[in-house]
Each structure stands twice: as C-alpha cells, then as structure tokens.
Amino acid sequence: AAEIIAKSIRRRIVLGELREGDTLPSEADLM
C-alpha cells in the first residue's frame, strides 16, 4: 500500500500537479 501511495504522489509531481514548495494535505486527510 505504501508503494502505491508513493507512486500516486510521485506521478502528480512528475505531471506538474504538485510543484516544488507545495505542501501535501495533512496526514489525516491523506489517510
């Protein structure tokens, strides 16, 4: 599951949906 989550967020970074300096949602929201 952790690898799937990392892959999902990694993909958003590569696609530019998440940019340098952006803060990810809180742990509670991501969980």
PDB file of all heavy atoms in Angstrom:
ATOM      1  N   ALA A   1       0.830  -1.211   0.000  1.00  0.00           N
ATOM      2  CA  ALA A   1       0.000   0.000   0.000  1.00  0.00           C
ATOM      3  C   ALA A   1       0.866   1.263   0.000  1.00  0.00           C
ATOM      4  O   ALA A   1       0.567   2.246  -0.693  1.00  0.00           O
ATOM      5  CB  ALA A   1      -0.934  -0.014   1.214  1.00  0.00           C
ATOM      6  N   ALA A   2       1.963   1.239   0.778  1.00  0.00           N
ATOM      7  CA  ALA A   2       2.837   2.419   0.842  1.00  0.00           C
ATOM      8  C   ALA A   2       3.445   2.721  -0.517  1.00  0.00           C
ATOM      9  O   ALA A   2       3.601   3.894  -0.896  1.00  0.00           O
ATOM     10  CB  ALA A   2       3.938   2.186   1.875  1.00  0.00           C
ATOM     11  N   GLU A   3       3.806   1.687  -1.275  1.00  0.00           N
ATOM     12  CA  GLU A   3       4.380   1.884  -2.602  1.00  0.00           C
ATOM     13  C   GLU A   3       3.356   2.477  -3.561  1.00  0.00           C
ATOM     14  O   GLU A   3       3.691   3.315  -4.405  1.00  0.00           O
ATOM     15  CB  GLU A   3       4.911   0.557  -3.143  1.00  0.00           C
ATOM     16  CG  GLU A   3       6.093   0.000  -2.356  1.00  0.00           C
ATOM     17  CD  GLU A   3       6.432  -1.432  -2.734  1.00  0.00           C
ATOM     18  OE1 GLU A   3       5.587  -2.081  -3.391  1.00  0.00           O
ATOM     19  OE2 GLU A   3       7.531  -1.889  -2.384  1.00  0.00           O
ATOM     20  N   ILE A   4       2.102   2.048  -3.423  1.00  0.00           N
ATOM     21  CA  ILE A   4       1.029   2.578  -4.278  1.00  0.00           C
ATOM     22  C   ILE A   4       0.807   4.063  -3.983  1.00  0.00           C
ATOM     23  O   ILE A   4       0.643   4.880  -4.898  1.00  0.00           O
ATOM     24  CB  ILE A   4      -0.269   1.781  -4.057  1.00  0.00           C
ATOM     25  CG1 ILE A   4      -0.083   0.338  -4.539  1.00  0.00           C
ATOM     26  CG2 ILE A   4      -1.428   2.441  -4.796  1.00  0.00           C
ATOM     27  CD1 ILE A   4      -1.254  -0.572  -4.217  1.00  0.00           C
ATOM     28  N   ILE A   5       0.821   4.423  -2.706  1.00  0.00           N
ATOM     29  CA  ILE A   5       0.652   5.829  -2.327  1.00  0.00           C
ATOM     30  C   ILE A   5       1.816   6.667  -2.872  1.00  0.00           C
ATOM     31  O   ILE A   5       1.610   7.739  -3.448  1.00  0.00           O
ATOM     32  CB  ILE A   5       0.574   5.962  -0.798  1.00  0.00           C
ATOM     33  CG1 ILE A   5      -0.671   5.250  -0.274  1.00  0.00           C
ATOM     34  CG2 ILE A   5       0.564   7.435  -0.385  1.00  0.00           C
ATOM     35  CD1 ILE A   5      -0.706   5.108   1.234  1.00  0.00           C
ATOM     36  N   ALA A   6       3.036   6.177  -2.679  1.00  0.00           N
ATOM     37  CA  ALA A   6       4.212   6.898  -3.163  1.00  0.00           C
ATOM     38  C   ALA A   6       4.146   7.071  -4.680  1.00  0.00           C
ATOM     39  O   ALA A   6       4.464   8.148  -5.211  1.00  0.00           O
ATOM     40  CB  ALA A   6       5.490   6.156  -2.767  1.00  0.00           C
ATOM     41  N   LYS A   7       3.715   6.032  -5.384  1.00  0.00           N
ATOM     42  CA  LYS A   7       3.611   6.101  -6.841  1.00  0.00           C
ATOM     43  C   LYS A   7       2.588   7.148  -7.264  1.00  0.00           C
ATOM     44  O   LYS A   7       2.798   7.911  -8.212  1.00  0.00           O
ATOM     45  CB  LYS A   7       3.225   4.739  -7.401  1.00  0.00           C
ATOM     46  CG  LYS A   7       3.095   4.712  -8.922  1.00  0.00           C
ATOM     47  CD  LYS A   7       2.738   3.312  -9.419  1.00  0.00           C
ATOM     48  CE  LYS A   7       2.597   3.305 -10.944  1.00  0.00           C
ATOM     49  NZ  LYS A   7       2.254   1.936 -11.444  1.00  0.00           N
ATOM     50  N   SER A   8       1.461   7.210  -6.552  1.00  0.00           N
ATOM     51  CA  SER A   8       0.410   8.168  -6.870  1.00  0.00           C
ATOM     52  C   SER A   8       0.897   9.606  -6.705  1.00  0.00           C
ATOM     53  O   SER A   8       0.692  10.456  -7.577  1.00  0.00           O
ATOM     54  CB  SER A   8      -0.811   7.928  -5.980  1.00  0.00           C
ATOM     55  OG  SER A   8      -1.796   8.910  -6.187  1.00  0.00           O
ATOM     56  N   ILE A   9       1.545   9.870  -5.580  1.00  0.00           N
ATOM     57  CA  ILE A   9       2.034  11.235  -5.319  1.00  0.00           C
ATOM     58  C   ILE A   9       3.187  11.570  -6.255  1.00  0.00           C
ATOM     59  O   ILE A   9       3.288  12.691  -6.770  1.00  0.00           O
ATOM     60  CB  ILE A   9       2.449  11.378  -3.847  1.00  0.00           C
ATOM     61  CG1 ILE A   9       1.226  11.183  -2.951  1.00  0.00           C
ATOM     62  CG2 ILE A   9       3.087  12.738  -3.595  1.00  0.00           C
ATOM     63  CD1 ILE A   9       1.531  11.159  -1.462  1.00  0.00           C
ATOM     64  N   ARG A  10       4.068  10.585  -6.503  1.00  0.00           N
ATOM     65  CA  ARG A  10       5.182  10.787  -7.436  1.00  0.00           C
ATOM     66  C   ARG A  10       4.667  11.179  -8.825  1.00  0.00           C
ATOM     67  O   ARG A  10       5.207  12.063  -9.485  1.00  0.00           O
ATOM     68  CB  ARG A  10       6.022   9.518  -7.512  1.00  0.00           C
ATOM     69  CG  ARG A  10       7.307   9.664  -8.319  1.00  0.00           C
ATOM     70  CD  ARG A  10       7.964   8.317  -8.526  1.00  0.00           C
ATOM     71  NE  ARG A  10       8.288   7.650  -7.280  1.00  0.00           N
ATOM     72  CZ  ARG A  10       7.787   6.461  -6.902  1.00  0.00           C
ATOM     73  NH1 ARG A  10       6.909   5.827  -7.687  1.00  0.00           N
ATOM     74  NH2 ARG A  10       8.161   5.916  -5.775  1.00  0.00           N
ATOM     75  N   ARG A  11       3.612  10.510  -9.259  1.00  0.00           N
ATOM     76  CA  ARG A  11       3.046  10.803 -10.574  1.00  0.00           C
ATOM     77  C   ARG A  11       2.509  12.238 -10.634  1.00  0.00           C
ATOM     78  O   ARG A  11       2.674  12.932 -11.638  1.00  0.00           O
ATOM     79  CB  ARG A  11       1.928   9.801 -10.899  1.00  0.00           C
ATOM     80  CG  ARG A  11       1.252  10.057 -12.245  1.00  0.00           C
ATOM     81  CD  ARG A  11       0.265   8.949 -12.582  1.00  0.00           C
ATOM     82  NE  ARG A  11      -0.458   9.241 -13.813  1.00  0.00           N
ATOM     83  CZ  ARG A  11       0.049   9.082 -15.025  1.00  0.00           C
ATOM     84  NH1 ARG A  11       1.278   8.633 -15.184  1.00  0.00           N
ATOM     85  NH2 ARG A  11      -0.680   9.372 -16.088  1.00  0.00           N
ATOM     86  N   ARG A  12       1.887  12.672  -9.571  1.00  0.00           N
ATOM     87  CA  ARG A  12       1.365  14.048  -9.542  1.00  0.00           C
ATOM     88  C   ARG A  12       2.490  15.069  -9.601  1.00  0.00           C
ATOM     89  O   ARG A  12       2.337  16.143 -10.197  1.00  0.00           O
ATOM     90  CB  ARG A  12       0.524  14.252  -8.283  1.00  0.00           C
ATOM     91  CG  ARG A  12      -0.757  13.421  -8.245  1.00  0.00           C
ATOM     92  CD  ARG A  12      -1.600  13.814  -7.060  1.00  0.00           C
ATOM     93  NE  ARG A  12      -2.053  15.199  -7.189  1.00  0.00           N
ATOM     94  CZ  ARG A  12      -2.582  15.899  -6.188  1.00  0.00           C
ATOM     95  NH1 ARG A  12      -2.709  15.341  -4.985  1.00  0.00           N
ATOM     96  NH2 ARG A  12      -2.967  17.147  -6.374  1.00  0.00           N
ATOM     97  N   ILE A  13       3.628  14.736  -9.007  1.00  0.00           N
ATOM     98  CA  ILE A  13       4.785  15.641  -9.071  1.00  0.00           C
ATOM     99  C   ILE A  13       5.317  15.688 -10.498  1.00  0.00           C
ATOM    100  O   ILE A  13       5.586  16.763 -11.049  1.00  0.00           O
ATOM    101  CB  ILE A  13       5.880  15.185  -8.085  1.00  0.00           C
ATOM    102  CG1 ILE A  13       5.396  15.331  -6.646  1.00  0.00           C
ATOM    103  CG2 ILE A  13       7.164  15.996  -8.304  1.00  0.00           C
ATOM    104  CD1 ILE A  13       6.333  14.748  -5.605  1.00  0.00           C
ATOM    105  N   VAL A  14       5.472  14.515 -11.122  1.00  0.00           N
ATOM    106  CA  VAL A  14       6.000  14.443 -12.485  1.00  0.00           C
ATOM    107  C   VAL A  14       5.092  15.169 -13.471  1.00  0.00           C
ATOM    108  O   VAL A  14       5.559  15.832 -14.405  1.00  0.00           O
ATOM    109  CB  VAL A  14       6.175  12.963 -12.907  1.00  0.00           C
ATOM    110  CG1 VAL A  14       6.493  12.862 -14.389  1.00  0.00           C
ATOM    111  CG2 VAL A  14       7.287  12.311 -12.086  1.00  0.00           C
ATOM    112  N   LEU A  15       3.782  15.067 -13.277  1.00  0.00           N
ATOM    113  CA  LEU A  15       2.823  15.710 -14.185  1.00  0.00           C
ATOM    114  C   LEU A  15       2.670  17.205 -13.915  1.00  0.00           C
ATOM    115  O   LEU A  15       1.979  17.904 -14.659  1.00  0.00           O
ATOM    116  CB  LEU A  15       1.453  15.025 -14.072  1.00  0.00           C
ATOM    117  CG  LEU A  15       1.381  13.585 -14.574  1.00  0.00           C
ATOM    118  CD1 LEU A  15      -0.012  13.011 -14.349  1.00  0.00           C
ATOM    119  CD2 LEU A  15       1.755  13.510 -16.061  1.00  0.00           C
ATOM    120  N   GLY A  16       3.303  17.685 -12.848  1.00  0.00           N
ATOM    121  CA  GLY A  16       3.222  19.112 -12.542  1.00  0.00           C
ATOM    122  C   GLY A  16       2.000  19.498 -11.737  1.00  0.00           C
ATOM    123  O   GLY A  16       1.760  20.694 -11.505  1.00  0.00           O
ATOM    124  N   GLU A  17       1.220  18.516 -11.300  1.00  0.00           N
ATOM    125  CA  GLU A  17       0.049  18.823 -10.479  1.00  0.00           C
ATOM    126  C   GLU A  17       0.481  19.266  -9.079  1.00  0.00           C
ATOM    127  O   GLU A  17      -0.219  20.040  -8.418  1.00  0.00           O
ATOM    128  CB  GLU A  17      -0.862  17.599 -10.382  1.00  0.00           C
ATOM    129  CG  GLU A  17      -1.454  17.180 -11.732  1.00  0.00           C
ATOM    130  CD  GLU A  17      -2.208  15.866 -11.644  1.00  0.00           C
ATOM    131  OE1 GLU A  17      -2.390  15.350 -10.516  1.00  0.00           O
ATOM    132  OE2 GLU A  17      -2.603  15.334 -12.702  1.00  0.00           O
ATOM    133  N   LEU A  18       1.610  18.754  -8.637  1.00  0.00           N
ATOM    134  CA  LEU A  18       2.240  19.203  -7.403  1.00  0.00           C
ATOM    135  C   LEU A  18       3.573  19.825  -7.776  1.00  0.00           C
ATOM    136  O   LEU A  18       4.368  19.209  -8.488  1.00  0.00           O
ATOM    137  CB  LEU A  18       2.449  18.028  -6.440  1.00  0.00           C
ATOM    138  CG  LEU A  18       1.194  17.427  -5.806  1.00  0.00           C
ATOM    139  CD1 LEU A  18       1.549  16.151  -5.052  1.00  0.00           C
ATOM    140  CD2 LEU A  18       0.527  18.431  -4.872  1.00  0.00           C
ATOM    141  N   ARG A  19       3.805  21.038  -7.298  1.00  0.00           N
ATOM    142  CA  ARG A  19       5.024  21.755  -7.661  1.00  0.00           C
ATOM    143  C   ARG A  19       5.932  21.945  -6.453  1.00  0.00           C
ATOM    144  O   ARG A  19       5.492  21.808  -5.298  1.00  0.00           O
ATOM    145  CB  ARG A  19       4.676  23.109  -8.279  1.00  0.00           C
ATOM    146  CG  ARG A  19       3.831  22.997  -9.546  1.00  0.00           C
ATOM    147  CD  ARG A  19       3.575  24.347 -10.179  1.00  0.00           C
ATOM    148  NE  ARG A  19       2.768  24.217 -11.379  1.00  0.00           N
ATOM    149  CZ  ARG A  19       3.249  23.905 -12.578  1.00  0.00           C
ATOM    150  NH1 ARG A  19       4.548  23.686 -12.721  1.00  0.00           N
ATOM    151  NH2 ARG A  19       2.458  23.814 -13.622  1.00  0.00           N
ATOM    152  N   GLU A  20       7.184  22.254  -6.747  1.00  0.00           N
ATOM    153  CA  GLU A  20       8.149  22.474  -5.676  1.00  0.00           C
ATOM    154  C   GLU A  20       7.626  23.516  -4.697  1.00  0.00           C
ATOM    155  O   GLU A  20       7.161  24.585  -5.091  1.00  0.00           O
ATOM    156  CB  GLU A  20       9.494  22.928  -6.246  1.00  0.00           C
ATOM    157  CG  GLU A  20      10.570  23.095  -5.194  1.00  0.00           C
ATOM    158  CD  GLU A  20      11.924  23.424  -5.777  1.00  0.00           C
ATOM    159  OE1 GLU A  20      11.978  23.789  -6.968  1.00  0.00           O
ATOM    160  OE2 GLU A  20      12.925  23.316  -5.050  1.00  0.00           O
ATOM    161  N   GLY A  21       7.692  23.177  -3.414  1.00  0.00           N
ATOM    162  CA  GLY A  21       7.231  24.090  -2.375  1.00  0.00           C
ATOM    163  C   GLY A  21       5.811  23.844  -1.926  1.00  0.00           C
ATOM    164  O   GLY A  21       5.401  24.326  -0.857  1.00  0.00           O
ATOM    165  N   ASP A  22       5.032  23.100  -2.723  1.00  0.00           N
ATOM    166  CA  ASP A  22       3.663  22.778  -2.308  1.00  0.00           C
ATOM    167  C   ASP A  22       3.690  21.888  -1.071  1.00  0.00           C
ATOM    168  O   ASP A  22       4.570  21.035  -0.922  1.00  0.00           O
ATOM    169  CB  ASP A  22       2.911  22.041  -3.420  1.00  0.00           C
ATOM    170  CG  ASP A  22       2.519  22.948  -4.574  1.00  0.00           C
ATOM    171  OD1 ASP A  22       2.681  24.180  -4.438  1.00  0.00           O
ATOM    172  OD2 ASP A  22       2.065  22.426  -5.605  1.00  0.00           O
ATOM    173  N   THR A  23       2.712  22.081  -0.209  1.00  0.00           N
ATOM    174  CA  THR A  23       2.583  21.245   0.977  1.00  0.00           C
ATOM    175  C   THR A  23       1.508  20.198   0.734  1.00  0.00           C
ATOM    176  O   THR A  23       0.416  20.526   0.259  1.00  0.00           O
ATOM    177  CB  THR A  23       2.212  22.086   2.212  1.00  0.00           C
ATOM    178  OG1 THR A  23       3.236  23.059   2.438  1.00  0.00           O
ATOM    179  CG2 THR A  23       2.080  21.198   3.448  1.00  0.00           C
ATOM    180  N   LEU A  24       1.812  18.953   1.029  1.00  0.00           N
ATOM    181  CA  LEU A  24       0.825  17.890   0.876  1.00  0.00           C
ATOM    182  C   LEU A  24      -0.287  18.049   1.911  1.00  0.00           C
ATOM    183  O   LEU A  24      -0.075  18.681   2.959  1.00  0.00           O
ATOM    184  CB  LEU A  24       1.496  16.520   1.042  1.00  0.00           C
ATOM    185  CG  LEU A  24       2.551  16.121   0.007  1.00  0.00           C
ATOM    186  CD1 LEU A  24       3.041  14.700   0.296  1.00  0.00           C
ATOM    187  CD2 LEU A  24       2.010  16.214  -1.406  1.00  0.00           C
ATOM    188  N   PRO A  25      -1.453  17.492   1.642  1.00  0.00           N
ATOM    189  CA  PRO A  25      -2.526  17.527   2.648  1.00  0.00           C
ATOM    190  C   PRO A  25      -2.052  16.912   3.962  1.00  0.00           C
ATOM    191  O   PRO A  25      -1.045  16.210   4.021  1.00  0.00           O
ATOM    192  CB  PRO A  25      -3.635  16.686   1.998  1.00  0.00           C
ATOM    193  CG  PRO A  25      -3.381  16.799   0.525  1.00  0.00           C
ATOM    194  CD  PRO A  25      -1.889  16.838   0.389  1.00  0.00           C
ATOM    195  N   SER A  26      -2.810  17.156   5.019  1.00  0.00           N
ATOM    196  CA  SER A  26      -2.446  16.626   6.337  1.00  0.00           C
ATOM    197  C   SER A  26      -2.462  15.103   6.331  1.00  0.00           C
ATOM    198  O   SER A  26      -3.075  14.474   5.456  1.00  0.00           O
ATOM    199  CB  SER A  26      -3.434  17.128   7.398  1.00  0.00           C
ATOM    200  OG  SER A  26      -4.718  16.550   7.168  1.00  0.00           O
ATOM    201  N   GLU A  27      -1.795  14.521   7.324  1.00  0.00           N
ATOM    202  CA  GLU A  27      -1.784  13.063   7.425  1.00  0.00           C
ATOM    203  C   GLU A  27      -3.204  12.510   7.516  1.00  0.00           C
ATOM    204  O   GLU A  27      -3.533  11.499   6.884  1.00  0.00           O
ATOM    205  CB  GLU A  27      -0.964  12.627   8.646  1.00  0.00           C
ATOM    206  CG  GLU A  27       0.532  12.737   8.465  1.00  0.00           C
ATOM    207  CD  GLU A  27       1.281  12.054   9.595  1.00  0.00           C
ATOM    208  OE1 GLU A  27       0.624  11.636  10.586  1.00  0.00           O
ATOM    209  OE2 GLU A  27       2.516  11.905   9.486  1.00  0.00           O
ATOM    210  N   ALA A  28      -4.051  13.187   8.298  1.00  0.00           N
ATOM    211  CA  ALA A  28      -5.424  12.705   8.464  1.00  0.00           C
ATOM    212  C   ALA A  28      -6.162  12.684   7.121  1.00  0.00           C
ATOM    213  O   ALA A  28      -6.868  11.718   6.796  1.00  0.00           O
ATOM    214  CB  ALA A  28      -6.172  13.592   9.461  1.00  0.00           C
ATOM    215  N   ASP A  29      -5.962  13.757   6.330  1.00  0.00           N
ATOM    216  CA  ASP A  29      -6.632  13.825   5.021  1.00  0.00           C
ATOM    217  C   ASP A  29      -6.106  12.743   4.079  1.00  0.00           C
ATOM    218  O   ASP A  29      -6.878  12.109   3.345  1.00  0.00           O
ATOM    219  CB  ASP A  29      -6.431  15.201   4.397  1.00  0.00           C
ATOM    220  CG  ASP A  29      -7.250  16.277   5.101  1.00  0.00           C
ATOM    221  OD1 ASP A  29      -8.199  15.915   5.821  1.00  0.00           O
ATOM    222  OD2 ASP A  29      -6.933  17.467   4.921  1.00  0.00           O
ATOM    223  N   LEU A  30      -4.799  12.531   4.077  1.00  0.00           N
ATOM    224  CA  LEU A  30      -4.217  11.521   3.189  1.00  0.00           C
ATOM    225  C   LEU A  30      -4.615  10.117   3.616  1.00  0.00           C
ATOM    226  O   LEU A  30      -4.859   9.246   2.773  1.00  0.00           O
ATOM    227  CB  LEU A  30      -2.691  11.669   3.157  1.00  0.00           C
ATOM    228  CG  LEU A  30      -2.150  12.888   2.406  1.00  0.00           C
ATOM    229  CD1 LEU A  30      -0.644  13.034   2.619  1.00  0.00           C
ATOM    230  CD2 LEU A  30      -2.451  12.783   0.913  1.00  0.00           C
ATOM    231  N   MET A  31      -4.677   9.884   4.925  1.00  0.00           N
ATOM    232  CA  MET A  31      -5.109   8.567   5.414  1.00  0.00           C
ATOM    233  C   MET A  31      -6.540   8.277   4.964  1.00  0.00           C
ATOM    234  O   MET A  31      -6.864   7.164   4.544  1.00  0.00           O
ATOM    235  CB  MET A  31      -5.006   8.525   6.944  1.00  0.00           C
ATOM    236  CG  MET A  31      -3.570   8.435   7.467  1.00  0.00           C
ATOM    237  SD  MET A  31      -3.419   8.934   9.205  1.00  0.00           S
ATOM    238  CE  MET A  31      -4.600   7.833   9.990  1.00  0.00           C
TER     239      MET A  31
END
